[in-house]
Protein backbone atom coordinates (compact mmCIF):
# COMPACT_ATOMS: atom_id res chain seq x y z
CA UNK A 1 19.33 -10.63 -1.76
CA UNK A 2 19.74 -10.02 1.97
CA UNK A 3 18.78 -6.35 2.17
CA UNK A 4 16.18 -4.04 0.72
CA UNK A 5 17.99 -0.89 -0.35
CA UNK A 6 16.11 2.42 -0.36
CA UNK A 7 19.03 4.85 -0.70
CA UNK A 8 17.81 6.85 2.31
CA UNK A 9 17.37 6.52 6.06
CA UNK A 10 13.98 8.28 5.74
CA UNK A 11 12.48 5.07 4.35
CA UNK A 12 13.84 1.96 6.02
CA UNK A 13 13.95 -1.36 4.18
CA UNK A 14 14.32 -4.86 5.61
CA UNK A 15 13.39 -8.45 4.91
CA UNK A 16 11.37 -10.76 7.13
CA UNK A 17 11.45 -14.16 5.46
CA UNK A 18 9.47 -13.77 2.24
CA UNK A 19 8.08 -10.39 3.36
CA UNK A 20 9.74 -7.10 2.44
CA UNK A 21 9.12 -4.25 4.88
CA UNK A 22 9.33 -0.56 4.03
CA UNK A 23 8.94 1.81 6.97
CA UNK A 24 8.50 5.58 6.93
CA UNK A 25 11.18 7.01 9.20
CA UNK A 26 10.62 10.68 9.99
CA UNK A 27 9.09 10.25 13.46
CA UNK A 28 9.80 13.88 14.41
CA UNK A 29 7.17 14.91 11.81
CA UNK A 30 4.89 11.89 12.20
CA UNK A 31 6.55 10.48 9.09
CA UNK A 32 5.62 13.35 6.79
CA UNK A 33 6.52 12.74 3.17
CA UNK A 34 9.70 14.07 1.60
CA UNK A 35 11.74 13.86 -1.59
CA UNK A 36 13.96 11.28 0.12
CA UNK A 37 10.93 9.06 0.80
CA UNK A 38 9.67 9.36 -2.79
CA UNK A 39 13.09 8.43 -4.09
CA UNK A 40 13.27 5.56 -1.61
CA UNK A 41 10.09 4.05 -3.01
CA UNK A 42 11.40 4.47 -6.54
CA UNK A 43 14.59 2.66 -5.54
CA UNK A 44 13.02 -0.13 -3.50
CA UNK A 45 9.86 -1.12 -5.38
CA UNK A 46 11.64 -2.41 -8.52
CA UNK A 47 13.71 -4.66 -6.25
CA UNK A 48 10.55 -6.00 -4.64
CA UNK A 49 8.92 -6.60 -8.03
CA UNK A 50 11.90 -8.43 -9.49
CA UNK A 51 12.95 -10.64 -6.57
CA UNK A 52 11.09 -13.96 -6.56
CA UNK A 53 11.99 -14.60 -2.92
CA UNK A 54 9.87 -11.60 -1.91
CA UNK A 55 6.20 -12.58 -1.98
CA UNK A 56 4.57 -9.78 0.03
CA UNK A 57 5.36 -6.12 0.70
CA UNK A 58 4.43 -4.52 4.01
CA UNK A 59 4.50 -0.73 4.43
CA UNK A 60 4.49 0.71 7.94
CA UNK A 61 5.87 3.63 9.96
CA UNK A 62 8.29 4.27 12.79
CA UNK A 63 7.60 6.13 16.03
CA UNK A 64 3.92 5.33 16.43
CA UNK A 65 2.60 6.92 13.22
CA UNK A 66 1.99 5.61 9.72
CA UNK A 67 2.35 8.80 7.66
CA UNK A 68 0.96 12.29 8.18
CA UNK A 69 1.06 13.15 4.49
CA UNK A 70 2.68 16.24 3.00
CA UNK A 71 5.09 18.29 5.09
CA UNK A 72 3.08 21.37 6.09
CA UNK A 73 6.27 23.18 7.15
CA UNK A 74 7.52 22.70 3.62
CA UNK A 75 4.27 24.15 2.25
CA UNK A 76 4.73 27.26 4.40
CA UNK A 77 8.32 27.73 3.27
CA UNK A 78 7.25 27.41 -0.35
CA UNK A 79 4.50 30.01 0.09
CA UNK A 80 7.04 32.36 1.67
CA UNK A 81 9.13 32.16 -1.50
CA UNK A 82 11.99 30.24 0.10
CA UNK A 83 14.09 27.95 -2.06
CA UNK A 84 14.36 27.68 -5.83
CA UNK A 85 11.37 29.20 -7.72
CA UNK A 86 9.15 26.56 -9.33
CA UNK A 87 6.62 27.12 -12.10
CA UNK A 88 3.11 25.55 -11.95
CA UNK A 89 4.09 23.34 -14.89
CA UNK A 90 7.16 22.07 -13.03
CA UNK A 91 5.06 21.40 -9.93
CA UNK A 92 2.56 19.43 -12.00
CA UNK A 93 5.24 17.36 -13.70
CA UNK A 94 6.87 16.61 -10.35
CA UNK A 95 3.61 15.57 -8.69
CA UNK A 96 2.73 13.32 -11.61
CA UNK A 97 6.12 11.66 -11.31
CA UNK A 98 6.16 11.03 -7.57
CA UNK A 99 2.55 9.81 -7.54
CA UNK A 100 3.55 7.11 -10.05
CA UNK A 101 6.68 6.28 -8.03
CA UNK A 102 4.50 5.52 -5.00
CA UNK A 103 0.74 4.94 -5.41
CA UNK A 104 0.97 4.00 -9.08
CA UNK A 105 3.82 1.56 -8.47
CA UNK A 106 2.10 -0.04 -5.47
CA UNK A 107 -1.05 -0.57 -7.54
CA UNK A 108 0.98 -2.23 -10.31
CA UNK A 109 3.24 -4.29 -8.04
CA UNK A 110 2.72 -7.97 -8.99
CA UNK A 111 2.60 -9.00 -5.32
CA UNK A 112 0.26 -8.30 -2.40
CA UNK A 113 0.87 -5.02 -0.60
CA UNK A 114 -0.15 -4.63 3.06
CA UNK A 115 -0.28 -1.24 4.77
CA UNK A 116 0.31 -1.91 8.48
CA UNK A 117 -0.93 1.23 10.21
CA UNK A 118 0.39 1.78 13.76
CA UNK A 119 -1.01 5.27 14.23
CA UNK A 120 -2.23 8.32 12.33
CA UNK A 121 -2.63 7.98 8.56
CA UNK A 122 -3.48 11.38 7.10
CA UNK A 123 -3.55 13.20 3.79
CA UNK A 124 -1.29 11.67 1.17
CA UNK A 125 -0.17 9.18 3.84
CA UNK A 126 -3.71 7.84 3.92
CA UNK A 127 -3.77 7.84 0.11
CA UNK A 128 -0.67 5.64 0.07
CA UNK A 129 -2.31 3.25 2.53
CA UNK A 130 -5.35 3.11 0.24
CA UNK A 131 -3.09 2.12 -2.67
CA UNK A 132 -2.20 -1.09 -0.82
CA UNK A 133 -4.18 -4.30 -1.38
CA UNK A 134 -4.83 -4.71 2.35
CA UNK A 135 -4.85 -2.42 5.36
CA UNK A 136 -4.36 -3.62 8.93
CA UNK A 137 -4.36 -1.20 11.85
CA UNK A 138 -3.80 -0.79 15.55
CA UNK A 139 -6.92 -0.30 17.65
CA UNK A 140 -5.66 3.21 18.45
CA UNK A 141 -4.95 4.22 14.84
CA UNK A 142 -6.68 7.28 13.38
CA UNK A 143 -7.57 7.98 9.75
CA UNK A 144 -8.23 11.45 8.34
CA UNK A 145 -8.14 12.82 4.79
CA UNK A 146 -6.98 16.25 6.06
CA UNK A 147 -6.89 17.80 2.57
CA UNK A 148 -9.92 20.04 3.07
CA UNK A 149 -8.47 21.39 6.31
CA UNK A 150 -5.55 22.89 4.37
CA UNK A 151 -7.59 24.00 1.35
CA UNK A 152 -6.30 21.23 -0.94
CA UNK A 153 -8.16 18.76 -3.16
CA UNK A 154 -6.11 15.60 -2.57
CA UNK A 155 -3.46 13.54 -4.31
CA UNK A 156 -1.73 10.16 -4.48
CA UNK A 157 -5.00 8.51 -5.52
CA UNK A 158 -7.32 9.46 -2.66
CA UNK A 159 -10.29 10.28 -4.92
CA UNK A 160 -9.77 7.10 -6.96
CA UNK A 161 -9.31 4.60 -4.13
CA UNK A 162 -11.81 5.87 -1.55
CA UNK A 163 -15.04 5.48 -3.58
CA UNK A 164 -14.02 1.96 -4.56
CA UNK A 165 -13.55 1.02 -0.92
CA UNK A 166 -16.37 2.81 0.90
CA UNK A 167 -18.73 4.12 -1.81
CA UNK A 168 -19.24 7.54 -3.36
CA UNK A 169 -21.26 9.25 -0.63
CA UNK A 170 -18.98 8.14 2.22
CA UNK A 171 -15.91 9.05 0.17
CA UNK A 172 -17.27 12.58 -0.32
CA UNK A 173 -18.01 12.87 3.39
CA UNK A 174 -14.51 11.64 4.17
CA UNK A 175 -12.92 14.15 1.79
CA UNK A 176 -15.16 17.22 2.25
CA UNK A 177 -15.60 17.11 6.04
CA UNK A 178 -12.35 15.34 6.97
CA UNK A 179 -13.65 13.51 10.07
CA UNK A 180 -11.23 11.72 12.38
CA UNK A 181 -12.10 8.06 11.88
CA UNK A 182 -11.09 5.47 14.46
CA UNK A 183 -9.80 2.02 13.54
CA UNK A 184 -13.09 0.48 14.70
CA UNK A 185 -15.05 2.84 12.47
CA UNK A 186 -12.66 2.20 9.58
CA UNK A 187 -13.20 -1.54 9.97
CA UNK A 188 -16.97 -1.10 9.83
CA UNK A 189 -16.65 1.11 6.74
CA UNK A 190 -14.51 -1.43 4.91
CA UNK A 191 -11.56 0.97 4.91
CA UNK A 192 -9.34 -1.59 6.68
CA UNK A 193 -9.28 -5.40 6.63
CA UNK A 194 -8.13 -6.14 10.18
CA UNK A 195 -7.81 -4.36 13.51
CA UNK A 196 -5.23 -5.67 15.96
CA UNK A 197 -4.65 -4.91 19.68
CA UNK A 198 -2.00 -2.26 20.20
CA UNK A 199 0.23 -4.53 22.28
CA UNK A 200 0.37 -7.24 19.60
CA UNK A 201 0.25 -5.08 16.49
CA UNK A 202 3.73 -5.73 15.06
CA UNK A 203 3.56 -9.50 15.49
CA UNK A 204 -0.02 -9.70 14.24
CA UNK A 205 0.79 -7.59 11.17
CA UNK A 206 3.76 -9.75 10.25
CA UNK A 207 1.70 -12.89 10.84
CA UNK A 208 -0.93 -11.54 8.42
CA UNK A 209 1.80 -10.96 5.82
CA UNK A 210 3.33 -14.39 6.47
CA UNK A 211 -0.07 -15.99 5.85
CA UNK A 212 -0.23 -14.28 2.47
CA UNK A 213 3.36 -15.21 1.69
CA UNK A 214 2.52 -18.88 2.24
CA UNK A 215 0.05 -18.79 -0.69
CA UNK A 216 0.91 -19.42 -4.33
CA UNK A 217 2.62 -16.23 -5.60
CA UNK A 218 1.62 -16.94 -9.19
CA UNK A 219 -2.05 -17.34 -8.29
CA UNK A 220 -2.03 -14.19 -6.16
CA UNK A 221 -0.39 -12.16 -8.92
CA UNK A 222 -3.03 -13.20 -11.43
CA UNK A 223 -5.86 -12.72 -8.95
CA UNK A 224 -4.65 -9.17 -8.28
CA UNK A 225 -4.52 -8.48 -12.02
CA UNK A 226 -8.01 -9.91 -12.56
CA UNK A 227 -9.62 -7.94 -9.74
CA UNK A 228 -7.98 -4.65 -10.71
CA UNK A 229 -8.88 -5.12 -14.37
CA UNK A 230 -12.52 -5.59 -13.40
CA UNK A 231 -12.93 -1.88 -12.60
CA UNK A 232 -12.22 -0.87 -16.18
CA UNK A 233 -13.31 -3.88 -18.26
CA UNK A 234 -16.65 -5.33 -19.32
CA UNK A 235 -17.74 -8.84 -18.33
CA UNK A 236 -16.64 -10.46 -21.58
CA UNK A 237 -13.13 -9.05 -21.20
CA UNK A 238 -13.04 -10.17 -17.57
CA UNK A 239 -14.14 -13.70 -18.42
CA UNK A 240 -11.54 -13.96 -21.17
CA UNK A 241 -8.79 -12.79 -18.82
CA UNK A 242 -9.95 -15.14 -16.07
CA UNK A 243 -9.95 -18.10 -18.44
CA UNK A 244 -6.42 -17.33 -19.60
CA UNK A 245 -5.14 -16.91 -16.05
CA UNK A 246 -6.90 -20.06 -14.85
CA UNK A 247 -5.34 -22.22 -17.55
CA UNK A 248 -1.91 -20.74 -16.83
CA UNK A 249 -2.12 -21.24 -13.06
CA UNK A 250 -3.37 -24.81 -13.41
CA UNK A 251 -0.32 -25.66 -15.50
CA UNK A 252 2.12 -24.60 -12.74
CA UNK A 253 4.12 -26.67 -10.29
CA UNK A 254 2.33 -24.75 -7.52
CA UNK A 255 -1.02 -26.12 -8.68
CA UNK A 256 0.31 -29.67 -8.78
CA UNK A 257 1.77 -29.21 -5.31
CA UNK A 258 -1.56 -27.91 -3.98
CA UNK A 259 -3.43 -30.93 -5.33
CA UNK A 260 -0.84 -33.33 -3.89
CA UNK A 261 -0.99 -31.58 -0.51
CA UNK A 262 -4.79 -31.81 -0.50
CA UNK A 263 -4.68 -35.59 -0.85
CA UNK A 264 -1.73 -35.92 1.57
CA UNK A 265 -3.61 -33.77 4.13
CA UNK A 266 -0.67 -31.39 4.57
CA UNK A 267 0.11 -27.73 4.01
CA UNK A 268 1.34 -27.05 0.45
CA UNK A 269 4.88 -25.76 -0.04
CA UNK A 270 4.67 -23.29 -2.91
CA UNK A 271 7.78 -22.48 -4.93
CA UNK A 272 6.39 -19.87 -7.31
CA UNK A 273 6.88 -22.07 -10.36
């Protein structure tokens, strides 16, 4: 596989070694979400999941923004009665579907997901960043929930991810009051993992992804499963799952390679087997 197909130019796909890159591409609207973008995720993510040469997914944005969330112009047109009439039930079914195409699929992806945030991440755009396993940001990036400013409650997992990352009280402050949070503040809150200088952001983000891609993909997949299971399982279930995963990973060629590399004093070359 030499390309990452999305089926749309509103979500660009490319490969950088073992890293797949998906980039929001509606810079005229600060990469506001659209049906084309939702469909692009639904087209691209199964490719990422199934291709063993892809070890990490990076999501970013074109034109200096990450994603500004829902298209407010589209909201206004809908309220004015433009376009095909839609019932509340149809709206609910559609939102359920596209949330699973994006946030749900990123959460389930058996590979690390990195949101590389070059600028504003707002509303559902922030929610999508929260669905990633890691978030890295430019020093000048801004984070804002934005939902309360348009009289909305939030979607794409904002209320599920935020408390797990920054705690209940801070999550409520973030959602109710919608403060503009700088990258430095986000780093202190635990909202992001790394903050990179603006001038070196692209290279630093890819280097972060390359570092992940150099690790054992089997071990990372099982570690992701174990950690995510821990939110819903008791200790006994977690220990059982850890034991199973540990035995499986220690029977792999990657484990044998890691041990050999340790004694040879070299960097291991993982093959994902």
